[in-house]
Amino acid sequence: MSDLALGVVESKFADIIWENEPVSSSTVVKLAEDKLHWKKSTTFTVLRRLCEKGIFINEKGIVSSLISKPDFYSMQSEKFIEDTFDGSLPAFLAAFTKRKKLSKEEVEHLRKIVAEFEEG
C-alpha cells in the first residue's frame, strides 16, 4: 500500500486523468502541458510510474484508472490512520478536533454516517 503514496504534483496529474478518463495519452500530454507546464517526456515518465504502481493503465494509447479516485483516497486515509493512530478512528477524530472545531453540519453528517453503519 505504501507504494500507492503520491506526492502533490503526482496527485494533481492523477486528478487530470481521473477527471478525463478514459483519455488518450496524447490528450494527457496536452492537459499536463496546459495545467502543469510539463514536457511530453515528463508526462510519460510520471504516467509510467503511476501505471507501475497499479493506479492507471495505458493500453493502446488509452489511459484509464485501475483504482477510482474515491477508492484511492479512501485507501490513503485508511493507511494514514493505521500508521499514525494504530488504526483507531476515534483517536484520529480526537486529535483532529483538538485544533479544528467541527461545524454543526459536520457533526450531523458524522452522526448520519455512524447511524447508517449501525443499521447495516
PDB file of N, CA and C in Angstrom:
ATOM      1  N   MET A   1       0.826  -1.197   0.000  1.00  0.00           N
ATOM      2  CA  MET A   1       0.000   0.000   0.000  1.00  0.00           C
ATOM      3  C   MET A   1       0.864   1.252   0.000  1.00  0.00           C
ATOM      4  N   SER A   2       2.034   1.205   0.655  1.00  0.00           N
ATOM      5  CA  SER A   2       2.860   2.406   0.709  1.00  0.00           C
ATOM      6  C   SER A   2       3.315   2.834  -0.677  1.00  0.00           C
ATOM      7  N   ASP A   3       3.378   1.880  -1.634  1.00  0.00           N
ATOM      8  CA  ASP A   3       3.782   2.309  -2.975  1.00  0.00           C
ATOM      9  C   ASP A   3       2.703   3.120  -3.660  1.00  0.00           C
ATOM     10  N   LEU A   4       1.517   3.153  -3.108  1.00  0.00           N
ATOM     11  CA  LEU A   4       0.448   3.942  -3.715  1.00  0.00           C
ATOM     12  C   LEU A   4       0.512   5.415  -3.307  1.00  0.00           C
ATOM     13  N   ALA A   5       1.401   5.750  -2.418  1.00  0.00           N
ATOM     14  CA  ALA A   5       1.515   7.137  -1.986  1.00  0.00           C
ATOM     15  C   ALA A   5       1.909   8.025  -3.168  1.00  0.00           C
ATOM     16  N   LEU A   6       1.265   9.182  -3.236  1.00  0.00           N
ATOM     17  CA  LEU A   6       1.556  10.146  -4.297  1.00  0.00           C
ATOM     18  C   LEU A   6       1.997  11.458  -3.683  1.00  0.00           C
ATOM     19  N   GLY A   7       2.945  12.111  -4.350  1.00  0.00           N
ATOM     20  CA  GLY A   7       3.316  13.456  -3.963  1.00  0.00           C
ATOM     21  C   GLY A   7       2.268  14.439  -4.471  1.00  0.00           C
ATOM     22  N   VAL A   8       2.427  15.690  -4.126  1.00  0.00           N
ATOM     23  CA  VAL A   8       1.467  16.725  -4.505  1.00  0.00           C
ATOM     24  C   VAL A   8       1.331  16.834  -6.023  1.00  0.00           C
ATOM     25  N   VAL A   9       2.448  16.860  -6.734  1.00  0.00           N
ATOM     26  CA  VAL A   9       2.414  17.027  -8.188  1.00  0.00           C
ATOM     27  C   VAL A   9       1.836  15.776  -8.845  1.00  0.00           C
ATOM     28  N   GLU A  10       2.220  14.602  -8.345  1.00  0.00           N
ATOM     29  CA  GLU A  10       1.652  13.367  -8.888  1.00  0.00           C
ATOM     30  C   GLU A  10       0.140  13.327  -8.669  1.00  0.00           C
ATOM     31  N   SER A  11      -0.305  13.815  -7.522  1.00  0.00           N
ATOM     32  CA  SER A  11      -1.747  13.851  -7.233  1.00  0.00           C
ATOM     33  C   SER A  11      -2.478  14.757  -8.216  1.00  0.00           C
ATOM     34  N   LYS A  12      -1.887  15.905  -8.526  1.00  0.00           N
ATOM     35  CA  LYS A  12      -2.501  16.815  -9.497  1.00  0.00           C
ATOM     36  C   LYS A  12      -2.588  16.148 -10.870  1.00  0.00           C
ATOM     37  N   PHE A  13      -1.548  15.430 -11.236  1.00  0.00           N
ATOM     38  CA  PHE A  13      -1.531  14.726 -12.507  1.00  0.00           C
ATOM     39  C   PHE A  13      -2.587  13.610 -12.508  1.00  0.00           C
ATOM     40  N   ALA A  14      -2.648  12.862 -11.419  1.00  0.00           N
ATOM     41  CA  ALA A  14      -3.651  11.794 -11.307  1.00  0.00           C
ATOM     42  C   ALA A  14      -5.060  12.373 -11.423  1.00  0.00           C
ATOM     43  N   ASP A  15      -5.284  13.528 -10.801  1.00  0.00           N
ATOM     44  CA  ASP A  15      -6.602  14.175 -10.888  1.00  0.00           C
ATOM     45  C   ASP A  15      -6.957  14.510 -12.335  1.00  0.00           C
ATOM     46  N   ILE A  16      -5.978  14.932 -13.107  1.00  0.00           N
ATOM     47  CA  ILE A  16      -6.222  15.231 -14.527  1.00  0.00           C
ATOM     48  C   ILE A  16      -6.736  13.974 -15.233  1.00  0.00           C
ATOM     49  N   ILE A  17      -6.106  12.857 -14.956  1.00  0.00           N
ATOM     50  CA  ILE A  17      -6.536  11.613 -15.600  1.00  0.00           C
ATOM     51  C   ILE A  17      -7.921  11.215 -15.111  1.00  0.00           C
ATOM     52  N   TRP A  18      -8.131  11.215 -13.799  1.00  0.00           N
ATOM     53  CA  TRP A  18      -9.436  10.828 -13.257  1.00  0.00           C
ATOM     54  C   TRP A  18     -10.560  11.700 -13.818  1.00  0.00           C
ATOM     55  N   GLU A  19     -10.304  12.992 -13.984  1.00  0.00           N
ATOM     56  CA  GLU A  19     -11.334  13.914 -14.482  1.00  0.00           C
ATOM     57  C   GLU A  19     -11.653  13.702 -15.957  1.00  0.00           C
ATOM     58  N   ASN A  20     -10.767  13.066 -16.696  1.00  0.00           N
ATOM     59  CA  ASN A  20     -10.928  12.960 -18.147  1.00  0.00           C
ATOM     60  C   ASN A  20     -10.997  11.530 -18.672  1.00  0.00           C
ATOM     61  N   GLU A  21     -10.858  10.560 -17.815  1.00  0.00           N
ATOM     62  CA  GLU A  21     -10.773   9.182 -18.295  1.00  0.00           C
ATOM     63  C   GLU A  21     -12.084   8.647 -18.851  1.00  0.00           C
ATOM     64  N   PRO A  22     -11.997   7.676 -19.738  1.00  0.00           N
ATOM     65  CA  PRO A  22     -10.798   7.238 -20.434  1.00  0.00           C
ATOM     66  C   PRO A  22     -10.315   8.347 -21.370  1.00  0.00           C
ATOM     67  N   VAL A  23      -9.012   8.484 -21.477  1.00  0.00           N
ATOM     68  CA  VAL A  23      -8.430   9.599 -22.222  1.00  0.00           C
ATOM     69  C   VAL A  23      -7.218   9.098 -23.008  1.00  0.00           C
ATOM     70  N   SER A  24      -7.052   9.630 -24.200  1.00  0.00           N
ATOM     71  CA  SER A  24      -5.891   9.233 -24.999  1.00  0.00           C
ATOM     72  C   SER A  24      -4.622   9.778 -24.361  1.00  0.00           C
ATOM     73  N   SER A  25      -3.533   9.057 -24.546  1.00  0.00           N
ATOM     74  CA  SER A  25      -2.270   9.508 -23.968  1.00  0.00           C
ATOM     75  C   SER A  25      -1.831  10.841 -24.577  1.00  0.00           C
ATOM     76  N   SER A  26      -2.190  11.098 -25.842  1.00  0.00           N
ATOM     77  CA  SER A  26      -1.833  12.386 -26.447  1.00  0.00           C
ATOM     78  C   SER A  26      -2.616  13.523 -25.781  1.00  0.00           C
ATOM     79  N   THR A  27      -3.853  13.260 -25.392  1.00  0.00           N
ATOM     80  CA  THR A  27      -4.635  14.271 -24.672  1.00  0.00           C
ATOM     81  C   THR A  27      -4.061  14.494 -23.285  1.00  0.00           C
ATOM     82  N   VAL A  28      -3.602  13.428 -22.640  1.00  0.00           N
ATOM     83  CA  VAL A  28      -2.972  13.560 -21.323  1.00  0.00           C
ATOM     84  C   VAL A  28      -1.748  14.464 -21.433  1.00  0.00           C
ATOM     85  N   VAL A  29      -0.971  14.285 -22.487  1.00  0.00           N
ATOM     86  CA  VAL A  29       0.216  15.125 -22.706  1.00  0.00           C
ATOM     87  C   VAL A  29      -0.201  16.583 -22.821  1.00  0.00           C
ATOM     88  N   LYS A  30      -1.239  16.867 -23.619  1.00  0.00           N
ATOM     89  CA  LYS A  30      -1.702  18.254 -23.795  1.00  0.00           C
ATOM     90  C   LYS A  30      -2.229  18.833 -22.490  1.00  0.00           C
ATOM     91  N   LEU A  31      -3.009  18.052 -21.748  1.00  0.00           N
ATOM     92  CA  LEU A  31      -3.556  18.530 -20.480  1.00  0.00           C
ATOM     93  C   LEU A  31      -2.446  18.800 -19.460  1.00  0.00           C
ATOM     94  N   ALA A  32      -1.466  17.917 -19.399  1.00  0.00           N
ATOM     95  CA  ALA A  32      -0.348  18.120 -18.468  1.00  0.00           C
ATOM     96  C   ALA A  32       0.482  19.337 -18.866  1.00  0.00           C
ATOM     97  N   GLU A  33       0.606  19.561 -20.162  1.00  0.00           N
ATOM     98  CA  GLU A  33       1.334  20.746 -20.620  1.00  0.00           C
ATOM     99  C   GLU A  33       0.572  22.012 -20.224  1.00  0.00           C
ATOM    100  N   ASP A  34      -0.740  22.011 -20.431  1.00  0.00           N
ATOM    101  CA  ASP A  34      -1.563  23.182 -20.108  1.00  0.00           C
ATOM    102  C   ASP A  34      -1.644  23.448 -18.610  1.00  0.00           C
ATOM    103  N   LYS A  35      -1.878  22.396 -17.832  1.00  0.00           N
ATOM    104  CA  LYS A  35      -2.145  22.581 -16.402  1.00  0.00           C
ATOM    105  C   LYS A  35      -0.909  22.515 -15.517  1.00  0.00           C
ATOM    106  N   LEU A  36       0.092  21.746 -15.939  1.00  0.00           N
ATOM    107  CA  LEU A  36       1.270  21.562 -15.097  1.00  0.00           C
ATOM    108  C   LEU A  36       2.549  22.094 -15.741  1.00  0.00           C
ATOM    109  N   HIS A  37       2.449  22.533 -17.001  1.00  0.00           N
ATOM    110  CA  HIS A  37       3.590  23.052 -17.756  1.00  0.00           C
ATOM    111  C   HIS A  37       4.679  21.989 -17.918  1.00  0.00           C
ATOM    112  N   TRP A  38       4.243  20.745 -18.144  1.00  0.00           N
ATOM    113  CA  TRP A  38       5.160  19.630 -18.324  1.00  0.00           C
ATOM    114  C   TRP A  38       5.477  19.407 -19.784  1.00  0.00           C
ATOM    115  N   LYS A  39       6.659  18.864 -20.009  1.00  0.00           N
ATOM    116  CA  LYS A  39       7.032  18.405 -21.349  1.00  0.00           C
ATOM    117  C   LYS A  39       6.489  16.987 -21.525  1.00  0.00           C
ATOM    118  N   LYS A  40       6.431  16.557 -22.760  1.00  0.00           N
ATOM    119  CA  LYS A  40       5.918  15.229 -23.094  1.00  0.00           C
ATOM    120  C   LYS A  40       6.674  14.141 -22.331  1.00  0.00           C
ATOM    121  N   SER A  41       7.995  14.256 -22.264  1.00  0.00           N
ATOM    122  CA  SER A  41       8.800  13.228 -21.600  1.00  0.00           C
ATOM    123  C   SER A  41       8.469  13.126 -20.107  1.00  0.00           C
ATOM    124  N   THR A  42       8.239  14.266 -19.470  1.00  0.00           N
ATOM    125  CA  THR A  42       7.876  14.270 -18.052  1.00  0.00           C
ATOM    126  C   THR A  42       6.536  13.574 -17.857  1.00  0.00           C
ATOM    127  N   THR A  43       5.583  13.911 -18.713  1.00  0.00           N
ATOM    128  CA  THR A  43       4.255  13.310 -18.613  1.00  0.00           C
ATOM    129  C   THR A  43       4.333  11.796 -18.720  1.00  0.00           C
ATOM    130  N   PHE A  44       5.067  11.306 -19.714  1.00  0.00           N
ATOM    131  CA  PHE A  44       5.148   9.860 -19.895  1.00  0.00           C
ATOM    132  C   PHE A  44       5.935   9.179 -18.781  1.00  0.00           C
ATOM    133  N   THR A  45       6.916   9.861 -18.215  1.00  0.00           N
ATOM    134  CA  THR A  45       7.662   9.292 -17.088  1.00  0.00           C
ATOM    135  C   THR A  45       6.760   9.124 -15.874  1.00  0.00           C
ATOM    136  N   VAL A  46       5.990  10.165 -15.559  1.00  0.00           N
ATOM    137  CA  VAL A  46       5.107  10.102 -14.391  1.00  0.00           C
ATOM    138  C   VAL A  46       3.963   9.123 -14.660  1.00  0.00           C
ATOM    139  N   LEU A  47       3.430   9.121 -15.856  1.00  0.00           N
ATOM    140  CA  LEU A  47       2.360   8.188 -16.205  1.00  0.00           C
ATOM    141  C   LEU A  47       2.858   6.738 -16.048  1.00  0.00           C
ATOM    142  N   ARG A  48       4.050   6.471 -16.523  1.00  0.00           N
ATOM    143  CA  ARG A  48       4.620   5.126 -16.394  1.00  0.00           C
ATOM    144  C   ARG A  48       4.725   4.726 -14.925  1.00  0.00           C
ATOM    145  N   ARG A  49       5.194   5.655 -14.078  1.00  0.00           N
ATOM    146  CA  ARG A  49       5.313   5.370 -12.642  1.00  0.00           C
ATOM    147  C   ARG A  49       3.960   5.036 -12.029  1.00  0.00           C
ATOM    148  N   LEU A  50       2.939   5.826 -12.395  1.00  0.00           N
ATOM    149  CA  LEU A  50       1.612   5.596 -11.819  1.00  0.00           C
ATOM    150  C   LEU A  50       1.002   4.299 -12.338  1.00  0.00           C
ATOM    151  N   CYS A  51       1.342   3.934 -13.555  1.00  0.00           N
ATOM    152  CA  CYS A  51       0.904   2.641 -14.093  1.00  0.00           C
ATOM    153  C   CYS A  51       1.617   1.500 -13.364  1.00  0.00           C
ATOM    154  N   GLU A  52       2.896   1.662 -13.095  1.00  0.00           N
ATOM    155  CA  GLU A  52       3.656   0.639 -12.363  1.00  0.00           C
ATOM    156  C   GLU A  52       3.125   0.453 -10.948  1.00  0.00           C
ATOM    157  N   LYS A  53       2.596   1.517 -10.368  1.00  0.00           N
ATOM    158  CA  LYS A  53       2.010   1.434  -9.031  1.00  0.00           C
ATOM    159  C   LYS A  53       0.628   0.767  -9.059  1.00  0.00           C
ATOM    160  N   GLY A  54       0.077   0.580 -10.252  1.00  0.00           N
ATOM    161  CA  GLY A  54      -1.222  -0.079 -10.368  1.00  0.00           C
ATOM    162  C   GLY A  54      -2.414   0.847 -10.226  1.00  0.00           C
ATOM    163  N   ILE A  55      -2.175   2.154 -10.377  1.00  0.00           N
ATOM    164  CA  ILE A  55      -3.269   3.123 -10.256  1.00  0.00           C
ATOM    165  C   ILE A  55      -3.955   3.329 -11.598  1.00  0.00           C
ATOM    166  N   PHE A  56      -3.153   3.370 -12.663  1.00  0.00           N
ATOM    167  CA  PHE A  56      -3.666   3.587 -14.016  1.00  0.00           C
ATOM    168  C   PHE A  56      -3.141   2.512 -14.957  1.00  0.00           C
ATOM    169  N   ILE A  57      -3.759   2.446 -16.115  1.00  0.00           N
ATOM    170  CA  ILE A  57      -3.293   1.572 -17.182  1.00  0.00           C
ATOM    171  C   ILE A  57      -3.285   2.384 -18.470  1.00  0.00           C
ATOM    172  N   ASN A  58      -2.237   2.200 -19.268  1.00  0.00           N
ATOM    173  CA  ASN A  58      -2.126   2.858 -20.566  1.00  0.00           C
ATOM    174  C   ASN A  58      -2.107   1.737 -21.596  1.00  0.00           C
ATOM    175  N   GLU A  59      -3.260   1.472 -22.161  1.00  0.00           N
ATOM    176  CA  GLU A  59      -3.390   0.351 -23.081  1.00  0.00           C
ATOM    177  C   GLU A  59      -3.807   0.848 -24.453  1.00  0.00           C
ATOM    178  N   LYS A  60      -2.951   0.590 -25.422  1.00  0.00           N
ATOM    179  CA  LYS A  60      -3.182   1.013 -26.800  1.00  0.00           C
ATOM    180  C   LYS A  60      -3.433   2.520 -26.890  1.00  0.00           C
ATOM    181  N   GLY A  61      -2.693   3.282 -26.079  1.00  0.00           N
ATOM    182  CA  GLY A  61      -2.778   4.740 -26.124  1.00  0.00           C
ATOM    183  C   GLY A  61      -3.969   5.329 -25.400  1.00  0.00           C
ATOM    184  N   ILE A  62      -4.715   4.504 -24.661  1.00  0.00           N
ATOM    185  CA  ILE A  62      -5.850   4.991 -23.866  1.00  0.00           C
ATOM    186  C   ILE A  62      -5.522   4.797 -22.391  1.00  0.00           C
ATOM    187  N   VAL A  63      -5.620   5.882 -21.644  1.00  0.00           N
ATOM    188  CA  VAL A  63      -5.305   5.864 -20.218  1.00  0.00           C
ATOM    189  C   VAL A  63      -6.606   5.810 -19.427  1.00  0.00           C
ATOM    190  N   SER A  64      -6.679   4.863 -18.514  1.00  0.00           N
ATOM    191  CA  SER A  64      -7.840   4.768 -17.617  1.00  0.00           C
ATOM    192  C   SER A  64      -7.368   4.275 -16.262  1.00  0.00           C
ATOM    193  N   SER A  65      -8.233   4.380 -15.281  1.00  0.00           N
ATOM    194  CA  SER A  65      -7.830   4.032 -13.921  1.00  0.00           C
ATOM    195  C   SER A  65      -8.115   2.577 -13.602  1.00  0.00           C
ATOM    196  N   LEU A  66      -7.258   2.023 -12.792  1.00  0.00           N
ATOM    197  CA  LEU A  66      -7.479   0.710 -12.205  1.00  0.00           C
ATOM    198  C   LEU A  66      -8.050   0.879 -10.797  1.00  0.00           C
ATOM    199  N   ILE A  67      -7.806   2.056 -10.221  1.00  0.00           N
ATOM    200  CA  ILE A  67      -8.336   2.418  -8.903  1.00  0.00           C
ATOM    201  C   ILE A  67      -9.038   3.763  -9.067  1.00  0.00           C
ATOM    202  N   SER A  68     -10.304   3.842  -8.681  1.00  0.00           N
ATOM    203  CA  SER A  68     -11.040   5.106  -8.806  1.00  0.00           C
ATOM    204  C   SER A  68     -10.490   6.136  -7.816  1.00  0.00           C
ATOM    205  N   LYS A  69     -10.751   7.386  -8.091  1.00  0.00           N
ATOM    206  CA  LYS A  69     -10.283   8.464  -7.206  1.00  0.00           C
ATOM    207  C   LYS A  69     -10.828   8.294  -5.785  1.00  0.00           C
ATOM    208  N   PRO A  70     -12.158   8.052  -5.614  1.00  0.00           N
ATOM    209  CA  PRO A  70     -12.652   7.871  -4.237  1.00  0.00           C
ATOM    210  C   PRO A  70     -12.003   6.670  -3.536  1.00  0.00           C
ATOM    211  N   ASP A  71     -11.818   5.569  -4.260  1.00  0.00           N
ATOM    212  CA  ASP A  71     -11.198   4.396  -3.653  1.00  0.00           C
ATOM    213  C   ASP A  71      -9.740   4.684  -3.285  1.00  0.00           C
ATOM    214  N   PHE A  72      -9.033   5.388  -4.161  1.00  0.00           N
ATOM    215  CA  PHE A  72      -7.640   5.710  -3.894  1.00  0.00           C
ATOM    216  C   PHE A  72      -7.507   6.540  -2.620  1.00  0.00           C
ATOM    217  N   TYR A  73      -8.294   7.608  -2.509  1.00  0.00           N
ATOM    218  CA  TYR A  73      -8.170   8.473  -1.338  1.00  0.00           C
ATOM    219  C   TYR A  73      -8.704   7.803  -0.077  1.00  0.00           C
ATOM    220  N   SER A  74      -9.653   6.897  -0.236  1.00  0.00           N
ATOM    221  CA  SER A  74     -10.112   6.111   0.903  1.00  0.00           C
ATOM    222  C   SER A  74      -8.975   5.230   1.420  1.00  0.00           C
ATOM    223  N   MET A  75      -8.260   4.590   0.496  1.00  0.00           N
ATOM    224  CA  MET A  75      -7.123   3.754   0.876  1.00  0.00           C
ATOM    225  C   MET A  75      -6.025   4.586   1.548  1.00  0.00           C
ATOM    226  N   GLN A  76      -5.801   5.789   1.034  1.00  0.00           N
ATOM    227  CA  GLN A  76      -4.788   6.674   1.624  1.00  0.00           C
ATOM    228  C   GLN A  76      -5.177   7.061   3.054  1.00  0.00           C
ATOM    229  N   SER A  77      -6.460   7.357   3.254  1.00  0.00           N
ATOM    230  CA  SER A  77      -6.943   7.734   4.589  1.00  0.00           C
ATOM    231  C   SER A  77      -6.791   6.582   5.570  1.00  0.00           C
ATOM    232  N   GLU A  78      -7.173   5.383   5.140  1.00  0.00           N
ATOM    233  CA  GLU A  78      -7.034   4.200   5.993  1.00  0.00           C
ATOM    234  C   GLU A  78      -5.572   3.992   6.378  1.00  0.00           C
ATOM    235  N   LYS A  79      -4.683   4.134   5.416  1.00  0.00           N
ATOM    236  CA  LYS A  79      -3.252   3.934   5.668  1.00  0.00           C
ATOM    237  C   LYS A  79      -2.727   4.963   6.664  1.00  0.00           C
ATOM    238  N   PHE A  80      -3.142   6.225   6.494  1.00  0.00           N
ATOM    239  CA  PHE A  80      -2.707   7.281   7.412  1.00  0.00           C
ATOM    240  C   PHE A  80      -3.168   6.981   8.834  1.00  0.00           C
ATOM    241  N   ILE A  81      -4.429   6.597   8.984  1.00  0.00           N
ATOM    242  CA  ILE A  81      -4.964   6.312  10.321  1.00  0.00           C
ATOM    243  C   ILE A  81      -4.282   5.084  10.912  1.00  0.00           C
ATOM    244  N   GLU A  82      -4.045   4.076  10.085  1.00  0.00           N
ATOM    245  CA  GLU A  82      -3.345   2.872  10.556  1.00  0.00           C
ATOM    246  C   GLU A  82      -1.928   3.212  11.019  1.00  0.00           C
ATOM    247  N   ASP A  83      -1.196   3.961  10.215  1.00  0.00           N
ATOM    248  CA  ASP A  83       0.198   4.278  10.527  1.00  0.00           C
ATOM    249  C   ASP A  83       0.351   5.265  11.676  1.00  0.00           C
ATOM    250  N   THR A  84      -0.561   6.220  11.756  1.00  0.00           N
ATOM    251  CA  THR A  84      -0.400   7.315  12.711  1.00  0.00           C
ATOM    252  C   THR A  84      -1.151   7.111  14.017  1.00  0.00           C
ATOM    253  N   PHE A  85      -2.286   6.420  13.958  1.00  0.00           N
ATOM    254  CA  PHE A  85      -3.148   6.278  15.136  1.00  0.00           C
ATOM    255  C   PHE A  85      -3.435   4.809  15.467  1.00  0.00           C
ATOM    256  N   ASP A  86      -2.531   3.932  15.056  1.00  0.00           N
ATOM    257  CA  ASP A  86      -2.699   2.490  15.288  1.00  0.00           C
ATOM    258  C   ASP A  86      -4.069   1.994  14.837  1.00  0.00           C
ATOM    259  N   GLY A  87      -4.576   2.586  13.754  1.00  0.00           N
ATOM    260  CA  GLY A  87      -5.843   2.144  13.186  1.00  0.00           C
ATOM    261  C   GLY A  87      -7.079   2.638  13.920  1.00  0.00           C
ATOM    262  N   SER A  88      -6.918   3.519  14.883  1.00  0.00           N
ATOM    263  CA  SER A  88      -8.046   3.982  15.691  1.00  0.00           C
ATOM    264  C   SER A  88      -8.674   5.244  15.111  1.00  0.00           C
ATOM    265  N   LEU A  89      -9.860   5.094  14.548  1.00  0.00           N
ATOM    266  CA  LEU A  89     -10.587   6.256  14.035  1.00  0.00           C
ATOM    267  C   LEU A  89     -10.952   7.227  15.166  1.00  0.00           C
ATOM    268  N   PRO A  90     -11.410   6.744  16.335  1.00  0.00           N
ATOM    269  CA  PRO A  90     -11.682   7.681  17.437  1.00  0.00           C
ATOM    270  C   PRO A  90     -10.453   8.494  17.848  1.00  0.00           C
ATOM    271  N   ALA A  91      -9.277   7.852  17.862  1.00  0.00           N
ATOM    272  CA  ALA A  91      -8.053   8.589  18.209  1.00  0.00           C
ATOM    273  C   ALA A  91      -7.759   9.652  17.157  1.00  0.00           C
ATOM    274  N   PHE A  92      -7.965   9.315  15.890  1.00  0.00           N
ATOM    275  CA  PHE A  92      -7.779  10.298  14.818  1.00  0.00           C
ATOM    276  C   PHE A  92      -8.736  11.468  14.998  1.00  0.00           C
ATOM    277  N   LEU A  93     -10.025  11.174  15.201  1.00  0.00           N
ATOM    278  CA  LEU A  93     -11.015  12.250  15.361  1.00  0.00           C
ATOM    279  C   LEU A  93     -10.713  13.114  16.583  1.00  0.00           C
ATOM    280  N   ALA A  94     -10.270  12.493  17.667  1.00  0.00           N
ATOM    281  CA  ALA A  94      -9.918  13.266  18.862  1.00  0.00           C
ATOM    282  C   ALA A  94      -8.763  14.217  18.557  1.00  0.00           C
ATOM    283  N   ALA A  95      -7.759  13.731  17.861  1.00  0.00           N
ATOM    284  CA  ALA A  95      -6.617  14.582  17.505  1.00  0.00           C
ATOM    285  C   ALA A  95      -7.039  15.670  16.525  1.00  0.00           C
ATOM    286  N   PHE A  96      -7.853  15.303  15.543  1.00  0.00           N
ATOM    287  CA  PHE A  96      -8.293  16.253  14.517  1.00  0.00           C
ATOM    288  C   PHE A  96      -9.112  17.384  15.125  1.00  0.00           C
ATOM    289  N   THR A  97     -10.011  17.041  16.044  1.00  0.00           N
ATOM    290  CA  THR A  97     -10.911  18.059  16.604  1.00  0.00           C
ATOM    291  C   THR A  97     -10.287  18.842  17.757  1.00  0.00           C
ATOM    292  N   LYS A  98      -9.076  18.478  18.127  1.00  0.00           N
ATOM    293  CA  LYS A  98      -8.392  19.229  19.179  1.00  0.00           C
ATOM    294  C   LYS A  98      -8.083  20.652  18.720  1.00  0.00           C
ATOM    295  N   ARG A  99      -7.745  20.806  17.439  1.00  0.00           N
ATOM    296  CA  ARG A  99      -7.372  22.113  16.908  1.00  0.00           C
ATOM    297  C   ARG A  99      -8.404  22.677  15.946  1.00  0.00           C
ATOM    298  N   LYS A 100      -9.243  21.833  15.406  1.00  0.00           N
ATOM    299  CA  LYS A 100     -10.243  22.288  14.441  1.00  0.00           C
ATOM    300  C   LYS A 100     -11.614  21.871  14.951  1.00  0.00           C
ATOM    301  N   LYS A 101     -12.423  22.843  15.256  1.00  0.00           N
ATOM    302  CA  LYS A 101     -13.769  22.555  15.738  1.00  0.00           C
ATOM    303  C   LYS A 101     -14.655  22.185  14.565  1.00  0.00           C
ATOM    304  N   LEU A 102     -15.475  21.175  14.768  1.00  0.00           N
ATOM    305  CA  LEU A 102     -16.406  20.750  13.729  1.00  0.00           C
ATOM    306  C   LEU A 102     -17.640  21.641  13.741  1.00  0.00           C
ATOM    307  N   SER A 103     -18.163  21.910  12.569  1.00  0.00           N
ATOM    308  CA  SER A 103     -19.405  22.680  12.477  1.00  0.00           C
ATOM    309  C   SER A 103     -20.575  21.780  12.842  1.00  0.00           C
ATOM    310  N   LYS A 104     -21.725  22.364  13.077  1.00  0.00           N
ATOM    311  CA  LYS A 104     -22.923  21.576  13.372  1.00  0.00           C
ATOM    312  C   LYS A 104     -23.246  20.643  12.217  1.00  0.00           C
ATOM    313  N   GLU A 105     -23.035  21.134  10.997  1.00  0.00           N
ATOM    314  CA  GLU A 105     -23.304  20.317   9.812  1.00  0.00           C
ATOM    315  C   GLU A 105     -22.365  19.111   9.748  1.00  0.00           C
ATOM    316  N   GLU A 106     -21.098  19.339  10.078  1.00  0.00           N
ATOM    317  CA  GLU A 106     -20.134  18.237  10.060  1.00  0.00           C
ATOM    318  C   GLU A 106     -20.470  17.185  11.121  1.00  0.00           C
ATOM    319  N   VAL A 107     -20.849  17.648  12.307  1.00  0.00           N
ATOM    320  CA  VAL A 107     -21.231  16.726  13.380  1.00  0.00           C
ATOM    321  C   VAL A 107     -22.453  15.923  12.960  1.00  0.00           C
ATOM    322  N   GLU A 108     -23.429  16.585  12.368  1.00  0.00           N
ATOM    323  CA  GLU A 108     -24.635  15.888  11.917  1.00  0.00           C
ATOM    324  C   GLU A 108     -24.304  14.876  10.827  1.00  0.00           C
ATOM    325  N   HIS A 109     -23.419  15.251   9.929  1.00  0.00           N
ATOM    326  CA  HIS A 109     -23.007  14.331   8.867  1.00  0.00           C
ATOM    327  C   HIS A 109     -22.326  13.088   9.458  1.00  0.00           C
ATOM    328  N   LEU A 110     -21.470  13.284  10.434  1.00  0.00           N
ATOM    329  CA  LEU A 110     -20.812  12.153  11.099  1.00  0.00           C
ATOM    330  C   LEU A 110     -21.830  11.271  11.812  1.00  0.00           C
ATOM    331  N   ARG A 111     -22.821  11.883  12.446  1.00  0.00           N
ATOM    332  CA  ARG A 111     -23.880  11.099  13.105  1.00  0.00           C
ATOM    333  C   ARG A 111     -24.626  10.232  12.095  1.00  0.00           C
ATOM    334  N   LYS A 112     -24.907  10.800  10.929  1.00  0.00           N
ATOM    335  CA  LYS A 112     -25.600  10.035   9.886  1.00  0.00           C
ATOM    336  C   LYS A 112     -24.753   8.864   9.408  1.00  0.00           C
ATOM    337  N   ILE A 113     -23.454   9.091   9.238  1.00  0.00           N
ATOM    338  CA  ILE A 113     -22.557   8.018   8.817  1.00  0.00           C
ATOM    339  C   ILE A 113     -22.565   6.887   9.828  1.00  0.00           C
ATOM    340  N   VAL A 114     -22.469   7.239  11.102  1.00  0.00           N
ATOM    341  CA  VAL A 114     -22.462   6.219  12.171  1.00  0.00           C
ATOM    342  C   VAL A 114     -23.810   5.488  12.191  1.00  0.00           C
ATOM    343  N   ALA A 115     -24.901   6.223  12.084  1.00  0.00           N
ATOM    344  CA  ALA A 115     -26.230   5.599  12.087  1.00  0.00           C
ATOM    345  C   ALA A 115     -26.397   4.626  10.935  1.00  0.00           C
ATOM    346  N   GLU A 116     -25.925   5.014   9.735  1.00  0.00           N
ATOM    347  CA  GLU A 116     -26.009   4.134   8.573  1.00  0.00           C
ATOM    348  C   GLU A 116     -25.168   2.879   8.784  1.00  0.00           C
ATOM    349  N   PHE A 117     -24.020   3.044   9.430  1.00  0.00           N
ATOM    350  CA  PHE A 117     -23.154   1.902   9.690  1.00  0.00           C
ATOM    351  C   PHE A 117     -23.833   0.948  10.688  1.00  0.00           C
ATOM    352  N   GLU A 118     -24.472   1.520  11.715  1.00  0.00           N
ATOM    353  CA  GLU A 118     -25.135   0.695  12.737  1.00  0.00           C
ATOM    354  C   GLU A 118     -26.318  -0.065  12.150  1.00  0.00           C
ATOM    355  N   GLU A 119     -26.984   0.531  11.163  1.00  0.00           N
ATOM    356  CA  GLU A 119     -28.144  -0.102  10.553  1.00  0.00           C
ATOM    357  C   GLU A 119     -27.746  -1.261   9.635  1.00  0.00           C
ATOM    358  N   GLY A 120     -26.534  -1.240   9.207  1.00  0.00           N
ATOM    359  CA  GLY A 120     -26.090  -2.388   8.441  1.00  0.00           C
ATOM    360  C   GLY A 120     -25.645  -2.127   7.095  1.00  0.00           C
TER     361      GLY A 120
END
